Amino acid sequence: MLACAYAALADILTPPFRSVLMKSLALTVALLAALWIGVEAAASYLIDLPYAGLDTTLTILTGVGLFVGLGFLVAPVTSLLAGLFLDEIAEVVERTRYPGDPPGVAPPLPQALWQTLKFTGVVLLGNLLALMLLLIPGVNIAAFFLINGYLLGREYFEAAATRFMPPGRAAELRRANGFTVFGAGVVVAVFLAVPIVNLATPLFATALMVHLNKRLAGRLPAR
């Protein structure tokens, strides 16, 4: 598992990964900026206080709330947009690291869109649950890594595996190696916890799970 993580870290520093990261970050910044401008404009239009001091205070509080809210949304939004490029990343890893193996097959467009939405929902749910436990000392940190470790490990591993087998078979492979996949998910959660670096989480997680899938696929009994 650690060897797969090291390989994934090396992969995300290569030009193809940087290209995808730049594209997803540009889309993320544009979307968050548009959201900021829209909410600010809506607040100014809908709320008109009679006192200048209260109006200024509301503007400051709105700005602070937006900053905190958008900071929370950075990871899910990045996952949503970077998810559009996950198969491109998986293909790069397979082609450069495993040139002698048969290449994986990208899922049909509806399935790929559903996977992208699931990735976004998983990241959003994991961070929301961890945020709800933020005020409980000692529990919040553990909850963040346990929840995200399980959810991220499951979703990203099965996405990598379904390039080579049906979804049911991919889920079976994950269950057969549950502890290893969970450990890889925790590694992804650690990556997700690092500010700024976490913007590359979808790329790192995809590369990691492609490597892990290659190592584990031979352990599933043949049918």
C-alpha atoms as a PDB file:
ATOM      1  CA  MET A   1       0.000   0.000   0.000  1.00  0.00           C
ATOM      2  CA  LEU A   2       2.767   2.458   0.909  1.00  0.00           C
ATOM      3  CA  ALA A   3       4.614   1.560  -2.289  1.00  0.00           C
ATOM      4  CA  CYS A   4       1.447   2.419  -4.222  1.00  0.00           C
ATOM      5  CA  ALA A   5       1.229   5.744  -2.387  1.00  0.00           C
ATOM      6  CA  TYR A   6       4.835   6.610  -3.253  1.00  0.00           C
ATOM      7  CA  ALA A   7       4.192   5.698  -6.892  1.00  0.00           C
ATOM      8  CA  ALA A   8       1.066   7.882  -6.936  1.00  0.00           C
ATOM      9  CA  LEU A   9       2.994  10.830  -5.472  1.00  0.00           C
ATOM     10  CA  ALA A  10       5.589  10.446  -8.206  1.00  0.00           C
ATOM     11  CA  ASP A  11       2.833  10.251 -10.833  1.00  0.00           C
ATOM     12  CA  ILE A  12       1.102  13.518  -9.865  1.00  0.00           C
ATOM     13  CA  LEU A  13       4.337  15.427 -10.466  1.00  0.00           C
ATOM     14  CA  THR A  14       4.474  14.387 -14.130  1.00  0.00           C
ATOM     15  CA  PRO A  15       3.344  16.738 -16.953  1.00  0.00           C
ATOM     16  CA  PRO A  16       0.062  14.900 -17.799  1.00  0.00           C
ATOM     17  CA  PHE A  17      -1.077  15.164 -14.174  1.00  0.00           C
ATOM     18  CA  ARG A  18      -0.066  18.816 -13.915  1.00  0.00           C
ATOM     19  CA  SER A  19      -2.081  19.567 -17.039  1.00  0.00           C
ATOM     20  CA  VAL A  20      -5.238  18.001 -15.578  1.00  0.00           C
ATOM     21  CA  LEU A  21      -4.652  19.701 -12.220  1.00  0.00           C
ATOM     22  CA  MET A  22      -4.331  23.120 -13.842  1.00  0.00           C
ATOM     23  CA  LYS A  23      -7.523  22.599 -15.809  1.00  0.00           C
ATOM     24  CA  SER A  24      -9.499  21.480 -12.755  1.00  0.00           C
ATOM     25  CA  LEU A  25      -8.099  24.287 -10.570  1.00  0.00           C
ATOM     26  CA  ALA A  26      -8.955  26.915 -13.181  1.00  0.00           C
ATOM     27  CA  LEU A  27     -12.529  25.634 -13.344  1.00  0.00           C
ATOM     28  CA  THR A  28     -12.707  25.486  -9.522  1.00  0.00           C
ATOM     29  CA  VAL A  29     -11.514  29.067  -9.062  1.00  0.00           C
ATOM     30  CA  ALA A  30     -13.896  30.323 -11.758  1.00  0.00           C
ATOM     31  CA  LEU A  31     -16.873  28.512 -10.212  1.00  0.00           C
ATOM     32  CA  LEU A  32     -16.122  29.669  -6.653  1.00  0.00           C
ATOM     33  CA  ALA A  33     -15.547  33.259  -7.817  1.00  0.00           C
ATOM     34  CA  ALA A  34     -18.872  33.251  -9.671  1.00  0.00           C
ATOM     35  CA  LEU A  35     -20.586  31.861  -6.560  1.00  0.00           C
ATOM     36  CA  TRP A  36     -18.994  34.555  -4.368  1.00  0.00           C
ATOM     37  CA  ILE A  37     -20.075  37.369  -6.702  1.00  0.00           C
ATOM     38  CA  GLY A  38     -23.579  35.941  -7.010  1.00  0.00           C
ATOM     39  CA  VAL A  39     -24.153  35.604  -3.263  1.00  0.00           C
ATOM     40  CA  GLU A  40     -22.707  39.063  -2.568  1.00  0.00           C
ATOM     41  CA  ALA A  41     -24.943  40.599  -5.217  1.00  0.00           C
ATOM     42  CA  ALA A  42     -28.014  38.756  -3.931  1.00  0.00           C
ATOM     43  CA  ALA A  43     -27.327  39.830  -0.334  1.00  0.00           C
ATOM     44  CA  SER A  44     -26.888  43.486  -1.356  1.00  0.00           C
ATOM     45  CA  TYR A  45     -30.079  43.412  -3.408  1.00  0.00           C
ATOM     46  CA  LEU A  46     -32.331  41.547  -0.984  1.00  0.00           C
ATOM     47  CA  ILE A  47     -31.202  43.077   2.318  1.00  0.00           C
ATOM     48  CA  ASP A  48     -31.404  46.853   2.673  1.00  0.00           C
ATOM     49  CA  LEU A  49     -30.959  48.042   6.268  1.00  0.00           C
ATOM     50  CA  PRO A  50     -31.894  51.604   7.256  1.00  0.00           C
ATOM     51  CA  TYR A  51     -28.668  52.231   9.195  1.00  0.00           C
ATOM     52  CA  ALA A  52     -25.313  52.485   7.476  1.00  0.00           C
ATOM     53  CA  GLY A  53     -23.487  50.888  10.410  1.00  0.00           C
ATOM     54  CA  LEU A  54     -25.707  47.795  10.356  1.00  0.00           C
ATOM     55  CA  ASP A  55     -25.368  47.564   6.593  1.00  0.00           C
ATOM     56  CA  THR A  56     -21.563  47.622   6.886  1.00  0.00           C
ATOM     57  CA  THR A  57     -21.643  45.008   9.651  1.00  0.00           C
ATOM     58  CA  LEU A  58     -23.859  42.753   7.540  1.00  0.00           C
ATOM     59  CA  THR A  59     -21.475  43.118   4.591  1.00  0.00           C
ATOM     60  CA  ILE A  60     -18.520  42.093   6.759  1.00  0.00           C
ATOM     61  CA  LEU A  61     -20.376  39.129   8.253  1.00  0.00           C
ATOM     62  CA  THR A  62     -21.508  38.025   4.789  1.00  0.00           C
ATOM     63  CA  GLY A  63     -17.916  38.181   3.538  1.00  0.00           C
ATOM     64  CA  VAL A  64     -16.635  36.142   6.496  1.00  0.00           C
ATOM     65  CA  GLY A  65     -19.417  33.587   6.073  1.00  0.00           C
ATOM     66  CA  LEU A  66     -18.684  33.274   2.378  1.00  0.00           C
ATOM     67  CA  PHE A  67     -14.972  32.830   3.021  1.00  0.00           C
ATOM     68  CA  VAL A  68     -15.605  29.995   5.513  1.00  0.00           C
ATOM     69  CA  GLY A  69     -18.290  28.409   3.332  1.00  0.00           C
ATOM     70  CA  LEU A  70     -16.254  28.497   0.159  1.00  0.00           C
ATOM     71  CA  GLY A  71     -13.242  27.134   2.036  1.00  0.00           C
ATOM     72  CA  PHE A  72     -15.385  24.145   3.011  1.00  0.00           C
ATOM     73  CA  LEU A  73     -16.562  23.738  -0.598  1.00  0.00           C
ATOM     74  CA  VAL A  74     -13.092  23.780  -2.185  1.00  0.00           C
ATOM     75  CA  ALA A  75     -12.492  20.033  -1.794  1.00  0.00           C
ATOM     76  CA  PRO A  76     -15.958  18.907  -3.012  1.00  0.00           C
ATOM     77  CA  VAL A  77     -15.939  21.323  -5.956  1.00  0.00           C
ATOM     78  CA  THR A  78     -12.433  20.217  -6.925  1.00  0.00           C
ATOM     79  CA  SER A  79     -13.579  16.598  -6.751  1.00  0.00           C
ATOM     80  CA  LEU A  80     -16.579  17.384  -8.940  1.00  0.00           C
ATOM     81  CA  LEU A  81     -14.512  19.077 -11.646  1.00  0.00           C
ATOM     82  CA  ALA A  82     -11.432  16.853 -11.446  1.00  0.00           C
ATOM     83  CA  GLY A  83     -13.743  13.850 -11.590  1.00  0.00           C
ATOM     84  CA  LEU A  84     -14.345  14.720 -15.221  1.00  0.00           C
ATOM     85  CA  PHE A  85     -10.703  13.802 -15.912  1.00  0.00           C
ATOM     86  CA  LEU A  86     -10.341  10.660 -13.774  1.00  0.00           C
ATOM     87  CA  ASP A  87     -10.376   8.228 -16.687  1.00  0.00           C
ATOM     88  CA  GLU A  88      -7.779  10.341 -18.463  1.00  0.00           C
ATOM     89  CA  ILE A  89      -5.549  10.055 -15.386  1.00  0.00           C
ATOM     90  CA  ALA A  90      -6.141   6.310 -15.034  1.00  0.00           C
ATOM     91  CA  GLU A  91      -5.199   5.820 -18.686  1.00  0.00           C
ATOM     92  CA  VAL A  92      -1.946   7.742 -18.192  1.00  0.00           C
ATOM     93  CA  VAL A  93      -0.972   5.573 -15.202  1.00  0.00           C
ATOM     94  CA  GLU A  94      -1.850   2.358 -17.000  1.00  0.00           C
ATOM     95  CA  ARG A  95       0.019   3.340 -20.145  1.00  0.00           C
ATOM     96  CA  THR A  96       3.207   4.609 -18.479  1.00  0.00           C
ATOM     97  CA  ARG A  97       3.462   2.235 -15.505  1.00  0.00           C
ATOM     98  CA  TYR A  98       1.979  -0.960 -16.952  1.00  0.00           C
ATOM     99  CA  PRO A  99       2.655  -0.842 -20.704  1.00  0.00           C
ATOM    100  CA  GLY A 100       2.567  -4.624 -21.016  1.00  0.00           C
ATOM    101  CA  ASP A 101      -0.918  -4.999 -19.495  1.00  0.00           C
ATOM    102  CA  PRO A 102      -4.181  -4.709 -21.435  1.00  0.00           C
ATOM    103  CA  PRO A 103      -5.535  -1.155 -21.009  1.00  0.00           C
ATOM    104  CA  GLY A 104      -8.665  -0.495 -19.006  1.00  0.00           C
ATOM    105  CA  VAL A 105     -11.935   0.557 -20.608  1.00  0.00           C
ATOM    106  CA  ALA A 106     -13.533   3.865 -19.639  1.00  0.00           C
ATOM    107  CA  PRO A 107     -17.143   3.473 -18.450  1.00  0.00           C
ATOM    108  CA  PRO A 108     -20.010   4.794 -20.585  1.00  0.00           C
ATOM    109  CA  LEU A 109     -20.732   8.507 -20.200  1.00  0.00           C
ATOM    110  CA  PRO A 110     -23.799   8.100 -17.913  1.00  0.00           C
ATOM    111  CA  GLN A 111     -21.821   5.819 -15.583  1.00  0.00           C
ATOM    112  CA  ALA A 112     -18.852   8.218 -15.604  1.00  0.00           C
ATOM    113  CA  LEU A 113     -21.099  11.152 -14.700  1.00  0.00           C
ATOM    114  CA  TRP A 114     -22.674   9.109 -11.910  1.00  0.00           C
ATOM    115  CA  GLN A 115     -19.214   8.214 -10.587  1.00  0.00           C
ATOM    116  CA  THR A 116     -18.222  11.891 -10.602  1.00  0.00           C
ATOM    117  CA  LEU A 117     -21.322  12.840  -8.638  1.00  0.00           C
ATOM    118  CA  LYS A 118     -20.646  10.019  -6.176  1.00  0.00           C
ATOM    119  CA  PHE A 119     -17.056  11.199  -5.633  1.00  0.00           C
ATOM    120  CA  THR A 120     -18.308  14.715  -4.928  1.00  0.00           C
ATOM    121  CA  GLY A 121     -21.003  13.460  -2.585  1.00  0.00           C
ATOM    122  CA  VAL A 122     -18.533  11.246  -0.732  1.00  0.00           C
ATOM    123  CA  VAL A 123     -16.081  14.106  -0.135  1.00  0.00           C
ATOM    124  CA  LEU A 124     -18.898  16.472   0.867  1.00  0.00           C
ATOM    125  CA  LEU A 125     -20.516  13.945   3.221  1.00  0.00           C
ATOM    126  CA  GLY A 126     -17.250  12.971   4.863  1.00  0.00           C
ATOM    127  CA  ASN A 127     -16.247  16.555   5.565  1.00  0.00           C
ATOM    128  CA  LEU A 128     -19.748  17.513   6.708  1.00  0.00           C
ATOM    129  CA  LEU A 129     -19.828  14.657   9.220  1.00  0.00           C
ATOM    130  CA  ALA A 130     -16.365  15.556  10.450  1.00  0.00           C
ATOM    131  CA  LEU A 131     -17.436  19.208  10.767  1.00  0.00           C
ATOM    132  CA  MET A 132     -20.434  18.212  12.867  1.00  0.00           C
ATOM    133  CA  LEU A 133     -18.082  16.427  15.282  1.00  0.00           C
ATOM    134  CA  LEU A 134     -15.645  19.336  15.361  1.00  0.00           C
ATOM    135  CA  LEU A 135     -16.617  20.410  18.873  1.00  0.00           C
ATOM    136  CA  ILE A 136     -16.024  16.974  20.405  1.00  0.00           C
ATOM    137  CA  PRO A 137     -12.336  16.855  21.467  1.00  0.00           C
ATOM    138  CA  GLY A 138     -10.432  13.853  20.173  1.00  0.00           C
ATOM    139  CA  VAL A 139     -13.394  12.537  18.208  1.00  0.00           C
ATOM    140  CA  ASN A 140     -13.373  14.990  15.322  1.00  0.00           C
ATOM    141  CA  ILE A 141      -9.899  14.097  14.045  1.00  0.00           C
ATOM    142  CA  ALA A 142     -10.513  10.370  14.323  1.00  0.00           C
ATOM    143  CA  ALA A 143     -13.916  10.752  12.651  1.00  0.00           C
ATOM    144  CA  PHE A 144     -12.415  12.679   9.743  1.00  0.00           C
ATOM    145  CA  PHE A 145      -9.870   9.969   8.936  1.00  0.00           C
ATOM    146  CA  LEU A 146     -12.167   7.005   9.604  1.00  0.00           C
ATOM    147  CA  ILE A 147     -15.110   8.352   7.598  1.00  0.00           C
ATOM    148  CA  ASN A 148     -13.074   9.655   4.709  1.00  0.00           C
ATOM    149  CA  GLY A 149     -10.789   6.617   4.776  1.00  0.00           C
ATOM    150  CA  TYR A 150     -13.704   4.264   4.299  1.00  0.00           C
ATOM    151  CA  LEU A 151     -15.690   6.336   1.790  1.00  0.00           C
ATOM    152  CA  LEU A 152     -12.772   7.529  -0.336  1.00  0.00           C
ATOM    153  CA  GLY A 153     -11.135   4.106  -0.336  1.00  0.00           C
ATOM    154  CA  ARG A 154     -14.333   2.399  -1.438  1.00  0.00           C
ATOM    155  CA  GLU A 155     -15.294   4.827  -4.190  1.00  0.00           C
ATOM    156  CA  TYR A 156     -11.897   5.397  -5.772  1.00  0.00           C
ATOM    157  CA  PHE A 157     -10.863   1.742  -5.625  1.00  0.00           C
ATOM    158  CA  GLU A 158     -14.063   0.527  -7.245  1.00  0.00           C
ATOM    159  CA  ALA A 159     -13.773   3.225  -9.931  1.00  0.00           C
ATOM    160  CA  ALA A 160     -10.277   1.989 -10.812  1.00  0.00           C
ATOM    161  CA  ALA A 161     -11.366  -1.646 -10.737  1.00  0.00           C
ATOM    162  CA  THR A 162     -14.437  -1.164 -12.947  1.00  0.00           C
ATOM    163  CA  ARG A 163     -12.134  -0.242 -15.812  1.00  0.00           C
ATOM    164  CA  PHE A 164     -11.247  -3.958 -15.904  1.00  0.00           C
ATOM    165  CA  MET A 165     -14.297  -5.777 -14.497  1.00  0.00           C
ATOM    166  CA  PRO A 166     -18.044  -5.358 -13.899  1.00  0.00           C
ATOM    167  CA  PRO A 167     -19.085  -3.214 -10.898  1.00  0.00           C
ATOM    168  CA  GLY A 168     -20.225  -6.232  -8.872  1.00  0.00           C
ATOM    169  CA  ARG A 169     -16.865  -7.936  -9.352  1.00  0.00           C
ATOM    170  CA  ALA A 170     -15.074  -4.717  -8.385  1.00  0.00           C
ATOM    171  CA  ALA A 171     -17.073  -4.527  -5.152  1.00  0.00           C
ATOM    172  CA  GLU A 172     -16.206  -8.167  -4.456  1.00  0.00           C
ATOM    173  CA  LEU A 173     -12.506  -7.435  -4.938  1.00  0.00           C
ATOM    174  CA  ARG A 174     -12.767  -4.500  -2.537  1.00  0.00           C
ATOM    175  CA  ARG A 175     -14.495  -6.583   0.134  1.00  0.00           C
ATOM    176  CA  ALA A 176     -11.911  -9.341  -0.246  1.00  0.00           C
ATOM    177  CA  ASN A 177      -9.183  -6.786   0.527  1.00  0.00           C
ATOM    178  CA  GLY A 178     -11.188  -4.520   2.809  1.00  0.00           C
ATOM    179  CA  PHE A 179      -8.440  -3.675   5.292  1.00  0.00           C
ATOM    180  CA  THR A 180      -5.909  -2.812   2.577  1.00  0.00           C
ATOM    181  CA  VAL A 181      -8.391  -0.657   0.665  1.00  0.00           C
ATOM    182  CA  PHE A 182      -9.406   1.104   3.884  1.00  0.00           C
ATOM    183  CA  GLY A 183      -5.739   1.778   4.667  1.00  0.00           C
ATOM    184  CA  ALA A 184      -5.287   3.284   1.208  1.00  0.00           C
ATOM    185  CA  GLY A 185      -8.385   5.385   1.835  1.00  0.00           C
ATOM    186  CA  VAL A 186      -6.859   6.700   5.061  1.00  0.00           C
ATOM    187  CA  VAL A 187      -3.746   7.693   3.093  1.00  0.00           C
ATOM    188  CA  VAL A 188      -6.023   9.629   0.727  1.00  0.00           C
ATOM    189  CA  ALA A 189      -7.752  11.222   3.742  1.00  0.00           C
ATOM    190  CA  VAL A 190      -4.368  12.375   5.078  1.00  0.00           C
ATOM    191  CA  PHE A 191      -3.675  13.923   1.675  1.00  0.00           C
ATOM    192  CA  LEU A 192      -7.119  15.557   1.781  1.00  0.00           C
ATOM    193  CA  ALA A 193      -6.377  17.088   5.198  1.00  0.00           C
ATOM    194  CA  VAL A 194      -3.427  19.148   3.927  1.00  0.00           C
ATOM    195  CA  PRO A 195      -4.567  22.623   2.774  1.00  0.00           C
ATOM    196  CA  ILE A 196      -3.756  23.577  -0.823  1.00  0.00           C
ATOM    197  CA  VAL A 197      -2.253  20.119  -1.433  1.00  0.00           C
ATOM    198  CA  ASN A 198      -5.763  18.657  -1.076  1.00  0.00           C
ATOM    199  CA  LEU A 199      -6.748  20.273  -4.371  1.00  0.00           C
ATOM    200  CA  ALA A 200      -4.881  17.419  -6.071  1.00  0.00           C
ATOM    201  CA  THR A 201      -6.731  14.747  -4.049  1.00  0.00           C
ATOM    202  CA  PRO A 202      -8.730  13.261  -6.983  1.00  0.00           C
ATOM    203  CA  LEU A 203      -5.548  12.889  -9.042  1.00  0.00           C
ATOM    204  CA  PHE A 204      -3.543  11.321  -6.206  1.00  0.00           C
ATOM    205  CA  ALA A 205      -6.408   9.021  -5.190  1.00  0.00           C
ATOM    206  CA  THR A 206      -6.983   7.819  -8.741  1.00  0.00           C
ATOM    207  CA  ALA A 207      -3.298   7.036  -9.306  1.00  0.00           C
ATOM    208  CA  LEU A 208      -3.034   5.296  -5.922  1.00  0.00           C
ATOM    209  CA  MET A 209      -6.056   3.098  -6.555  1.00  0.00           C
ATOM    210  CA  VAL A 210      -4.911   2.170 -10.057  1.00  0.00           C
ATOM    211  CA  HIS A 211      -1.624   0.920  -8.577  1.00  0.00           C
ATOM    212  CA  LEU A 212      -3.423  -0.873  -5.743  1.00  0.00           C
ATOM    213  CA  ASN A 213      -5.899  -2.489  -8.099  1.00  0.00           C
ATOM    214  CA  LYS A 214      -3.033  -3.829 -10.207  1.00  0.00           C
ATOM    215  CA  ARG A 215      -1.490  -5.434  -7.125  1.00  0.00           C
ATOM    216  CA  LEU A 216      -4.724  -6.919  -5.765  1.00  0.00           C
ATOM    217  CA  ALA A 217      -6.596  -7.999  -8.902  1.00  0.00           C
ATOM    218  CA  GLY A 218      -4.804 -11.357  -9.045  1.00  0.00           C
ATOM    219  CA  ARG A 219      -5.979 -12.274  -5.539  1.00  0.00           C
ATOM    220  CA  LEU A 220      -9.654 -12.575  -6.458  1.00  0.00           C
ATOM    221  CA  PRO A 221     -10.685 -16.164  -7.228  1.00  0.00           C
ATOM    222  CA  ALA A 222     -11.434 -16.714 -10.931  1.00  0.00           C
ATOM    223  CA  ARG A 223     -14.912 -17.473 -12.152  1.00  0.00           C
END
